[in-house]
């Protein structure tokens, strides 16, 4: 099978043009121009092939496209957007899902091509609790949270069995609010949080059910909470439409001194886990 590095061809043509026209565009302008040039390249006939990149992949069968993708990965030949686009235009999820259990590179491409495809969700759920690379796990979690309502029942079942409880709580926090069972799980996890209080308060905030406000208000009055816990509780209260204005003294908290010394008292340090 002949593999073509279309991205390499494009970069070579672009570099040559830039050398010949050094004053053509500013660096910022190039950032805007390059995507349109790349798209145009996809419809440009490559003389040595006799077809455009889009025509080349568009003429392949589903099986040939999958074989081409795997060959590119195995041989380290860059996978162009033209190949990915050709695959995305087909209904190839049944062929792509098995790649999720392959090597990390195969799984990564399969994830990107499948996205939040409903058929792939059970595999994503399995992968987040398995011996999976961090990047693959994080991407699976992103898609599961995007389709949280579709995997709600499995997340509840896993949580009750003690399977990856933190991941399941995070997924459940993205389901549609108003579900009594989900609310009960998130609230119970919050009330028994111990050292995971900031994360559990974050799940309550993400879920967005105002019924949790009294419990948050009660916990934030606890004199034993740390500054980090206080900040996340206050955020959760505000996210649910409440407010907490009482002044608290955290001058003896080492985390407070550390954050204050870096001038970061107004930064939401947990924004990435929402």
C-alpha atoms as a PDB file:
ATOM      1  CA  UNK A   1       0.000   0.000   0.000  1.00  0.00           C
ATOM      2  CA  UNK A   2       1.363   3.364  -1.053  1.00  0.00           C
ATOM      3  CA  UNK A   3       1.221   5.929   1.735  1.00  0.00           C
ATOM      4  CA  UNK A   4       1.317   9.642   0.959  1.00  0.00           C
ATOM      5  CA  UNK A   5       2.438  12.300   3.384  1.00  0.00           C
ATOM      6  CA  UNK A   6       0.057  14.987   2.170  1.00  0.00           C
ATOM      7  CA  UNK A   7       0.797  17.178   5.177  1.00  0.00           C
ATOM      8  CA  UNK A   8       4.491  17.035   4.346  1.00  0.00           C
ATOM      9  CA  UNK A   9       3.740  17.986   0.733  1.00  0.00           C
ATOM     10  CA  UNK A  10       1.668  20.942   1.880  1.00  0.00           C
ATOM     11  CA  UNK A  11       4.287  22.139   4.350  1.00  0.00           C
ATOM     12  CA  UNK A  12       6.970  21.923   1.648  1.00  0.00           C
ATOM     13  CA  UNK A  13       4.888  24.001  -0.762  1.00  0.00           C
ATOM     14  CA  UNK A  14       4.083  26.527   1.951  1.00  0.00           C
ATOM     15  CA  UNK A  15       7.690  26.858   3.095  1.00  0.00           C
ATOM     16  CA  UNK A  16       8.793  27.408  -0.498  1.00  0.00           C
ATOM     17  CA  UNK A  17       6.191  30.124  -1.005  1.00  0.00           C
ATOM     18  CA  UNK A  18       7.187  31.873   2.233  1.00  0.00           C
ATOM     19  CA  UNK A  19      10.837  31.859   1.195  1.00  0.00           C
ATOM     20  CA  UNK A  20       9.944  33.459  -2.118  1.00  0.00           C
ATOM     21  CA  UNK A  21       7.530  35.942  -0.585  1.00  0.00           C
ATOM     22  CA  UNK A  22       9.033  36.894   2.787  1.00  0.00           C
ATOM     23  CA  UNK A  23       6.890  40.029   3.080  1.00  0.00           C
ATOM     24  CA  UNK A  24       3.633  38.475   1.963  1.00  0.00           C
ATOM     25  CA  UNK A  25       1.940  38.156   5.372  1.00  0.00           C
ATOM     26  CA  UNK A  26       2.688  38.860   9.006  1.00  0.00           C
ATOM     27  CA  UNK A  27       2.972  35.887  11.363  1.00  0.00           C
ATOM     28  CA  UNK A  28      -0.517  36.617  12.694  1.00  0.00           C
ATOM     29  CA  UNK A  29      -1.950  36.812   9.193  1.00  0.00           C
ATOM     30  CA  UNK A  30      -0.364  33.472   8.298  1.00  0.00           C
ATOM     31  CA  UNK A  31      -2.251  31.880  11.228  1.00  0.00           C
ATOM     32  CA  UNK A  32      -5.492  32.929   9.559  1.00  0.00           C
ATOM     33  CA  UNK A  33      -4.449  32.137   5.982  1.00  0.00           C
ATOM     34  CA  UNK A  34      -2.895  28.682   6.430  1.00  0.00           C
ATOM     35  CA  UNK A  35      -6.154  26.807   7.218  1.00  0.00           C
ATOM     36  CA  UNK A  36      -7.792  28.083   4.026  1.00  0.00           C
ATOM     37  CA  UNK A  37      -4.685  27.207   1.995  1.00  0.00           C
ATOM     38  CA  UNK A  38      -4.693  23.709   3.505  1.00  0.00           C
ATOM     39  CA  UNK A  39      -8.344  23.252   2.557  1.00  0.00           C
ATOM     40  CA  UNK A  40      -7.555  24.432  -0.973  1.00  0.00           C
ATOM     41  CA  UNK A  41      -4.660  21.968  -1.151  1.00  0.00           C
ATOM     42  CA  UNK A  42      -7.126  19.171  -0.462  1.00  0.00           C
ATOM     43  CA  UNK A  43      -8.785  19.930  -3.803  1.00  0.00           C
ATOM     44  CA  UNK A  44      -5.540  20.421  -5.728  1.00  0.00           C
ATOM     45  CA  UNK A  45      -4.482  17.688  -8.152  1.00  0.00           C
ATOM     46  CA  UNK A  46      -1.123  16.146  -7.217  1.00  0.00           C
ATOM     47  CA  UNK A  47       0.542  15.420 -10.567  1.00  0.00           C
ATOM     48  CA  UNK A  48       2.427  12.353  -9.343  1.00  0.00           C
ATOM     49  CA  UNK A  49      -0.851  10.813  -8.136  1.00  0.00           C
ATOM     50  CA  UNK A  50      -3.277  12.193 -10.686  1.00  0.00           C
ATOM     51  CA  UNK A  51      -5.839  12.991  -8.000  1.00  0.00           C
ATOM     52  CA  UNK A  52      -6.490  15.523  -5.275  1.00  0.00           C
ATOM     53  CA  UNK A  53      -5.950  14.353  -1.677  1.00  0.00           C
ATOM     54  CA  UNK A  54      -9.719  14.376  -1.147  1.00  0.00           C
ATOM     55  CA  UNK A  55     -10.296  12.355  -4.312  1.00  0.00           C
ATOM     56  CA  UNK A  56      -7.588   9.891  -3.350  1.00  0.00           C
ATOM     57  CA  UNK A  57      -9.202   9.014  -0.035  1.00  0.00           C
ATOM     58  CA  UNK A  58     -12.753   9.517  -1.257  1.00  0.00           C
ATOM     59  CA  UNK A  59     -12.254   6.700  -3.769  1.00  0.00           C
ATOM     60  CA  UNK A  60     -11.228   4.172  -1.126  1.00  0.00           C
ATOM     61  CA  UNK A  61     -13.602   1.664   0.445  1.00  0.00           C
ATOM     62  CA  UNK A  62     -14.237   1.668   4.194  1.00  0.00           C
ATOM     63  CA  UNK A  63     -11.848  -1.225   4.633  1.00  0.00           C
ATOM     64  CA  UNK A  64      -9.147   0.502   2.597  1.00  0.00           C
ATOM     65  CA  UNK A  65      -9.512   3.695   4.623  1.00  0.00           C
ATOM     66  CA  UNK A  66      -9.112   1.782   7.880  1.00  0.00           C
ATOM     67  CA  UNK A  67      -6.091  -0.125   6.535  1.00  0.00           C
ATOM     68  CA  UNK A  68      -4.559   3.131   5.327  1.00  0.00           C
ATOM     69  CA  UNK A  69      -5.032   4.736   8.740  1.00  0.00           C
ATOM     70  CA  UNK A  70      -3.441   1.781  10.529  1.00  0.00           C
ATOM     71  CA  UNK A  71      -0.541   1.707   8.075  1.00  0.00           C
ATOM     72  CA  UNK A  72       0.116   5.422   8.618  1.00  0.00           C
ATOM     73  CA  UNK A  73       0.171   4.882  12.371  1.00  0.00           C
ATOM     74  CA  UNK A  74       2.355   1.765  12.192  1.00  0.00           C
ATOM     75  CA  UNK A  75       4.913   3.348   9.854  1.00  0.00           C
ATOM     76  CA  UNK A  76       4.931   6.775  11.486  1.00  0.00           C
ATOM     77  CA  UNK A  77       3.646   8.581   8.388  1.00  0.00           C
ATOM     78  CA  UNK A  78       1.649  11.687   9.397  1.00  0.00           C
ATOM     79  CA  UNK A  79      -2.118  11.223   9.197  1.00  0.00           C
ATOM     80  CA  UNK A  80      -3.600  14.123   7.259  1.00  0.00           C
ATOM     81  CA  UNK A  81      -6.927  15.783   7.944  1.00  0.00           C
ATOM     82  CA  UNK A  82      -7.974  14.626   4.470  1.00  0.00           C
ATOM     83  CA  UNK A  83      -7.789  10.997   5.563  1.00  0.00           C
ATOM     84  CA  UNK A  84      -9.565  11.702   8.841  1.00  0.00           C
ATOM     85  CA  UNK A  85     -12.263  13.662   7.043  1.00  0.00           C
ATOM     86  CA  UNK A  86     -12.854  10.802   4.589  1.00  0.00           C
ATOM     87  CA  UNK A  87     -13.329   8.397   7.507  1.00  0.00           C
ATOM     88  CA  UNK A  88     -15.621  10.777   9.395  1.00  0.00           C
ATOM     89  CA  UNK A  89     -17.921  10.988   6.368  1.00  0.00           C
ATOM     90  CA  UNK A  90     -18.566   7.239   6.543  1.00  0.00           C
ATOM     91  CA  UNK A  91     -20.483   5.278   9.186  1.00  0.00           C
ATOM     92  CA  UNK A  92     -17.377   3.447  10.373  1.00  0.00           C
ATOM     93  CA  UNK A  93     -17.914   3.361  14.129  1.00  0.00           C
ATOM     94  CA  UNK A  94     -18.136  -0.458  14.181  1.00  0.00           C
ATOM     95  CA  UNK A  95     -14.701  -0.647  12.558  1.00  0.00           C
ATOM     96  CA  UNK A  96     -13.177   2.081  14.723  1.00  0.00           C
ATOM     97  CA  UNK A  97     -14.386   0.929  18.154  1.00  0.00           C
ATOM     98  CA  UNK A  98     -12.045  -2.125  18.271  1.00  0.00           C
ATOM     99  CA  UNK A  99      -9.089   0.252  17.833  1.00  0.00           C
ATOM    100  CA  UNK A 100      -9.852   1.662  21.288  1.00  0.00           C
ATOM    101  CA  UNK A 101      -8.339  -1.499  22.752  1.00  0.00           C
ATOM    102  CA  UNK A 102      -5.234  -1.258  20.575  1.00  0.00           C
ATOM    103  CA  UNK A 103      -2.093   0.766  21.154  1.00  0.00           C
ATOM    104  CA  UNK A 104      -2.256   4.294  22.503  1.00  0.00           C
ATOM    105  CA  UNK A 105      -1.827   5.856  19.058  1.00  0.00           C
ATOM    106  CA  UNK A 106      -4.604   3.736  17.569  1.00  0.00           C
ATOM    107  CA  UNK A 107      -6.871   4.496  20.521  1.00  0.00           C
ATOM    108  CA  UNK A 108      -6.163   8.214  20.251  1.00  0.00           C
ATOM    109  CA  UNK A 109      -7.091   8.369  16.573  1.00  0.00           C
ATOM    110  CA  UNK A 110     -10.180   6.228  17.175  1.00  0.00           C
ATOM    111  CA  UNK A 111     -11.271   8.562  19.978  1.00  0.00           C
ATOM    112  CA  UNK A 112     -10.836  11.635  17.824  1.00  0.00           C
ATOM    113  CA  UNK A 113     -12.753  10.068  14.943  1.00  0.00           C
ATOM    114  CA  UNK A 114     -15.550   8.597  17.063  1.00  0.00           C
ATOM    115  CA  UNK A 115     -16.074  11.569  19.336  1.00  0.00           C
ATOM    116  CA  UNK A 116     -19.070  11.152  21.631  1.00  0.00           C
ATOM    117  CA  UNK A 117     -20.563   8.421  19.431  1.00  0.00           C
ATOM    118  CA  UNK A 118     -23.230   6.608  21.437  1.00  0.00           C
ATOM    119  CA  UNK A 119     -22.010   3.150  20.360  1.00  0.00           C
ATOM    120  CA  UNK A 120     -18.574   3.855  21.827  1.00  0.00           C
ATOM    121  CA  UNK A 121     -19.768   5.004  25.261  1.00  0.00           C
ATOM    122  CA  UNK A 122     -19.704   1.543  26.928  1.00  0.00           C
ATOM    123  CA  UNK A 123     -16.086   1.108  25.830  1.00  0.00           C
ATOM    124  CA  UNK A 124     -15.198   4.581  27.088  1.00  0.00           C
ATOM    125  CA  UNK A 125     -16.739   3.698  30.442  1.00  0.00           C
ATOM    126  CA  UNK A 126     -14.620   0.554  30.614  1.00  0.00           C
ATOM    127  CA  UNK A 127     -11.442   2.341  29.587  1.00  0.00           C
ATOM    128  CA  UNK A 128     -11.633   5.056  32.251  1.00  0.00           C
ATOM    129  CA  UNK A 129     -11.540   2.336  34.902  1.00  0.00           C
ATOM    130  CA  UNK A 130      -8.900   0.217  33.223  1.00  0.00           C
ATOM    131  CA  UNK A 131      -5.155   0.295  32.761  1.00  0.00           C
ATOM    132  CA  UNK A 132      -5.351   3.166  30.300  1.00  0.00           C
ATOM    133  CA  UNK A 133      -2.963   6.012  29.492  1.00  0.00           C
ATOM    134  CA  UNK A 134      -3.841   9.343  31.051  1.00  0.00           C
ATOM    135  CA  UNK A 135      -4.522  11.109  27.747  1.00  0.00           C
ATOM    136  CA  UNK A 136      -6.874   8.379  26.557  1.00  0.00           C
ATOM    137  CA  UNK A 137      -8.619   8.268  29.931  1.00  0.00           C
ATOM    138  CA  UNK A 138      -9.111  12.035  30.003  1.00  0.00           C
ATOM    139  CA  UNK A 139     -10.551  12.055  26.482  1.00  0.00           C
ATOM    140  CA  UNK A 140     -12.910   9.203  27.342  1.00  0.00           C
ATOM    141  CA  UNK A 141     -14.052  11.158  30.380  1.00  0.00           C
ATOM    142  CA  UNK A 142     -14.684  14.249  28.275  1.00  0.00           C
ATOM    143  CA  UNK A 143     -16.978  12.306  25.962  1.00  0.00           C
ATOM    144  CA  UNK A 144     -18.729  10.511  28.822  1.00  0.00           C
ATOM    145  CA  UNK A 145     -19.449  13.828  30.524  1.00  0.00           C
ATOM    146  CA  UNK A 146     -20.712  15.205  27.226  1.00  0.00           C
ATOM    147  CA  UNK A 147     -23.173  12.289  27.008  1.00  0.00           C
ATOM    148  CA  UNK A 148     -23.667  11.926  30.771  1.00  0.00           C
ATOM    149  CA  UNK A 149     -27.417  11.341  30.564  1.00  0.00           C
ATOM    150  CA  UNK A 150     -26.825   8.413  28.213  1.00  0.00           C
ATOM    151  CA  UNK A 151     -24.472   6.669  30.668  1.00  0.00           C
ATOM    152  CA  UNK A 152     -26.262   7.685  33.865  1.00  0.00           C
ATOM    153  CA  UNK A 153     -27.508   4.183  34.701  1.00  0.00           C
ATOM    154  CA  UNK A 154     -24.057   2.618  34.238  1.00  0.00           C
ATOM    155  CA  UNK A 155     -22.408   5.364  36.281  1.00  0.00           C
ATOM    156  CA  UNK A 156     -24.890   4.830  39.127  1.00  0.00           C
ATOM    157  CA  UNK A 157     -24.341   1.074  39.027  1.00  0.00           C
ATOM    158  CA  UNK A 158     -20.561   1.445  39.007  1.00  0.00           C
ATOM    159  CA  UNK A 159     -20.642   3.917  41.891  1.00  0.00           C
ATOM    160  CA  UNK A 160     -22.797   1.650  44.022  1.00  0.00           C
ATOM    161  CA  UNK A 161     -20.352  -1.206  43.352  1.00  0.00           C
ATOM    162  CA  UNK A 162     -17.387   0.989  44.294  1.00  0.00           C
ATOM    163  CA  UNK A 163     -16.010   0.995  40.732  1.00  0.00           C
ATOM    164  CA  UNK A 164     -14.048   4.182  40.041  1.00  0.00           C
ATOM    165  CA  UNK A 165     -16.235   6.243  42.390  1.00  0.00           C
ATOM    166  CA  UNK A 166     -14.614   9.615  41.704  1.00  0.00           C
ATOM    167  CA  UNK A 167     -14.941   9.252  37.947  1.00  0.00           C
ATOM    168  CA  UNK A 168     -18.561   8.142  38.352  1.00  0.00           C
ATOM    169  CA  UNK A 169     -19.347  11.133  40.563  1.00  0.00           C
ATOM    170  CA  UNK A 170     -17.803  13.459  38.014  1.00  0.00           C
ATOM    171  CA  UNK A 171     -19.916  11.930  35.240  1.00  0.00           C
ATOM    172  CA  UNK A 172     -23.102  12.031  37.328  1.00  0.00           C
ATOM    173  CA  UNK A 173     -22.455  15.691  38.126  1.00  0.00           C
ATOM    174  CA  UNK A 174     -22.923  16.429  34.420  1.00  0.00           C
ATOM    175  CA  UNK A 175     -26.327  14.750  34.125  1.00  0.00           C
ATOM    176  CA  UNK A 176     -29.531  16.774  33.922  1.00  0.00           C
ATOM    177  CA  UNK A 177     -30.378  18.094  37.412  1.00  0.00           C
ATOM    178  CA  UNK A 178     -33.561  17.045  39.184  1.00  0.00           C
ATOM    179  CA  UNK A 179     -32.904  13.308  39.400  1.00  0.00           C
ATOM    180  CA  UNK A 180     -33.468  12.307  43.038  1.00  0.00           C
ATOM    181  CA  UNK A 181     -31.166   9.285  42.900  1.00  0.00           C
ATOM    182  CA  UNK A 182     -28.263  11.229  41.392  1.00  0.00           C
ATOM    183  CA  UNK A 183     -28.812  14.097  43.823  1.00  0.00           C
ATOM    184  CA  UNK A 184     -28.802  11.682  46.751  1.00  0.00           C
ATOM    185  CA  UNK A 185     -25.535  10.095  45.564  1.00  0.00           C
ATOM    186  CA  UNK A 186     -23.777  13.427  45.056  1.00  0.00           C
ATOM    187  CA  UNK A 187     -25.040  14.821  48.369  1.00  0.00           C
ATOM    188  CA  UNK A 188     -24.058  11.696  50.297  1.00  0.00           C
ATOM    189  CA  UNK A 189     -20.601  11.769  48.706  1.00  0.00           C
ATOM    190  CA  UNK A 190     -20.271  15.434  49.666  1.00  0.00           C
ATOM    191  CA  UNK A 191     -21.321  14.854  53.278  1.00  0.00           C
ATOM    192  CA  UNK A 192     -18.793  12.022  53.690  1.00  0.00           C
ATOM    193  CA  UNK A 193     -16.066  13.710  51.662  1.00  0.00           C
ATOM    194  CA  UNK A 194     -13.287  13.892  54.255  1.00  0.00           C
ATOM    195  CA  UNK A 195     -10.130  14.900  52.321  1.00  0.00           C
ATOM    196  CA  UNK A 196     -12.051  15.077  49.026  1.00  0.00           C
ATOM    197  CA  UNK A 197     -14.297  17.951  50.082  1.00  0.00           C
ATOM    198  CA  UNK A 198     -13.181  20.427  47.364  1.00  0.00           C
ATOM    199  CA  UNK A 199     -13.787  17.891  44.579  1.00  0.00           C
ATOM    200  CA  UNK A 200     -17.133  16.771  45.991  1.00  0.00           C
ATOM    201  CA  UNK A 201     -18.296  20.376  46.409  1.00  0.00           C
ATOM    202  CA  UNK A 202     -17.268  20.901  42.787  1.00  0.00           C
ATOM    203  CA  UNK A 203     -19.522  18.033  41.709  1.00  0.00           C
ATOM    204  CA  UNK A 204     -22.426  19.613  43.599  1.00  0.00           C
ATOM    205  CA  UNK A 205     -21.766  22.907  41.805  1.00  0.00           C
ATOM    206  CA  UNK A 206     -21.602  21.197  38.408  1.00  0.00           C
ATOM    207  CA  UNK A 207     -24.869  19.340  38.995  1.00  0.00           C
ATOM    208  CA  UNK A 208     -26.657  22.606  39.704  1.00  0.00           C
ATOM    209  CA  UNK A 209     -29.441  21.405  42.018  1.00  0.00           C
ATOM    210  CA  UNK A 210     -30.419  24.181  44.438  1.00  0.00           C
ATOM    211  CA  UNK A 211     -31.563  21.624  47.022  1.00  0.00           C
ATOM    212  CA  UNK A 212     -27.896  21.277  47.998  1.00  0.00           C
ATOM    213  CA  UNK A 213     -27.610  24.901  49.184  1.00  0.00           C
ATOM    214  CA  UNK A 214     -28.543  24.312  52.848  1.00  0.00           C
ATOM    215  CA  UNK A 215     -25.926  21.567  53.125  1.00  0.00           C
ATOM    216  CA  UNK A 216     -23.252  23.749  51.558  1.00  0.00           C
ATOM    217  CA  UNK A 217     -24.151  26.644  53.869  1.00  0.00           C
ATOM    218  CA  UNK A 218     -23.928  24.336  56.865  1.00  0.00           C
ATOM    219  CA  UNK A 219     -20.531  22.967  55.857  1.00  0.00           C
ATOM    220  CA  UNK A 220     -18.965  26.339  55.093  1.00  0.00           C
ATOM    221  CA  UNK A 221     -19.635  27.399  58.694  1.00  0.00           C
ATOM    222  CA  UNK A 222     -17.386  24.583  59.914  1.00  0.00           C
ATOM    223  CA  UNK A 223     -14.430  26.227  61.664  1.00  0.00           C
ATOM    224  CA  UNK A 224     -12.189  23.276  60.829  1.00  0.00           C
ATOM    225  CA  UNK A 225     -12.295  23.596  57.033  1.00  0.00           C
ATOM    226  CA  UNK A 226      -9.180  24.778  55.210  1.00  0.00           C
ATOM    227  CA  UNK A 227      -8.926  27.844  53.022  1.00  0.00           C
ATOM    228  CA  UNK A 228      -8.931  25.665  49.893  1.00  0.00           C
ATOM    229  CA  UNK A 229     -12.112  23.936  51.066  1.00  0.00           C
ATOM    230  CA  UNK A 230     -13.697  27.261  51.963  1.00  0.00           C
ATOM    231  CA  UNK A 231     -12.992  28.678  48.515  1.00  0.00           C
ATOM    232  CA  UNK A 232     -14.573  25.706  46.753  1.00  0.00           C
ATOM    233  CA  UNK A 233     -17.593  25.696  49.046  1.00  0.00           C
ATOM    234  CA  UNK A 234     -18.100  29.404  48.440  1.00  0.00           C
ATOM    235  CA  UNK A 235     -17.878  28.844  44.696  1.00  0.00           C
ATOM    236  CA  UNK A 236     -20.429  26.023  44.875  1.00  0.00           C
ATOM    237  CA  UNK A 237     -22.821  28.185  46.894  1.00  0.00           C
ATOM    238  CA  UNK A 238     -22.570  30.988  44.358  1.00  0.00           C
ATOM    239  CA  UNK A 239     -22.968  28.541  41.446  1.00  0.00           C
ATOM    240  CA  UNK A 240     -26.323  27.485  42.927  1.00  0.00           C
ATOM    241  CA  UNK A 241     -27.497  31.077  43.290  1.00  0.00           C
ATOM    242  CA  UNK A 242     -26.614  31.592  46.946  1.00  0.00           C
ATOM    243  CA  UNK A 243     -24.071  33.828  48.639  1.00  0.00           C
ATOM    244  CA  UNK A 244     -21.792  33.754  51.657  1.00  0.00           C
ATOM    245  CA  UNK A 245     -20.387  37.056  52.882  1.00  0.00           C
ATOM    246  CA  UNK A 246     -19.125  36.236  56.367  1.00  0.00           C
ATOM    247  CA  UNK A 247     -15.464  37.144  56.901  1.00  0.00           C
ATOM    248  CA  UNK A 248     -13.252  34.233  57.899  1.00  0.00           C
ATOM    249  CA  UNK A 249      -9.711  34.214  59.241  1.00  0.00           C
ATOM    250  CA  UNK A 250      -7.403  31.761  57.482  1.00  0.00           C
ATOM    251  CA  UNK A 251      -4.134  33.460  58.409  1.00  0.00           C
ATOM    252  CA  UNK A 252      -2.903  30.279  60.125  1.00  0.00           C
ATOM    253  CA  UNK A 253      -3.615  28.120  57.067  1.00  0.00           C
ATOM    254  CA  UNK A 254      -0.348  27.344  55.191  1.00  0.00           C
ATOM    255  CA  UNK A 255      -2.234  27.109  51.882  1.00  0.00           C
ATOM    256  CA  UNK A 256      -3.656  30.575  52.469  1.00  0.00           C
ATOM    257  CA  UNK A 257      -0.178  32.016  52.970  1.00  0.00           C
ATOM    258  CA  UNK A 258       1.131  30.194  49.897  1.00  0.00           C
ATOM    259  CA  UNK A 259      -1.671  31.434  47.648  1.00  0.00           C
ATOM    260  CA  UNK A 260      -1.524  34.934  49.103  1.00  0.00           C
ATOM    261  CA  UNK A 261       2.226  35.107  48.533  1.00  0.00           C
ATOM    262  CA  UNK A 262       1.636  34.397  44.854  1.00  0.00           C
ATOM    263  CA  UNK A 263      -1.127  36.977  44.584  1.00  0.00           C
ATOM    264  CA  UNK A 264      -3.637  34.320  43.571  1.00  0.00           C
ATOM    265  CA  UNK A 265      -6.504  34.741  46.045  1.00  0.00           C
ATOM    266  CA  UNK A 266      -8.951  35.466  43.239  1.00  0.00           C
ATOM    267  CA  UNK A 267      -8.013  32.482  41.064  1.00  0.00           C
ATOM    268  CA  UNK A 268     -10.357  29.517  40.909  1.00  0.00           C
ATOM    269  CA  UNK A 269      -7.788  26.740  41.377  1.00  0.00           C
ATOM    270  CA  UNK A 270     -10.390  24.058  40.723  1.00  0.00           C
ATOM    271  CA  UNK A 271     -11.815  25.412  37.477  1.00  0.00           C
ATOM    272  CA  UNK A 272     -10.281  22.542  35.478  1.00  0.00           C
ATOM    273  CA  UNK A 273     -12.235  19.818  37.283  1.00  0.00           C
ATOM    274  CA  UNK A 274     -15.685  21.219  36.584  1.00  0.00           C
END
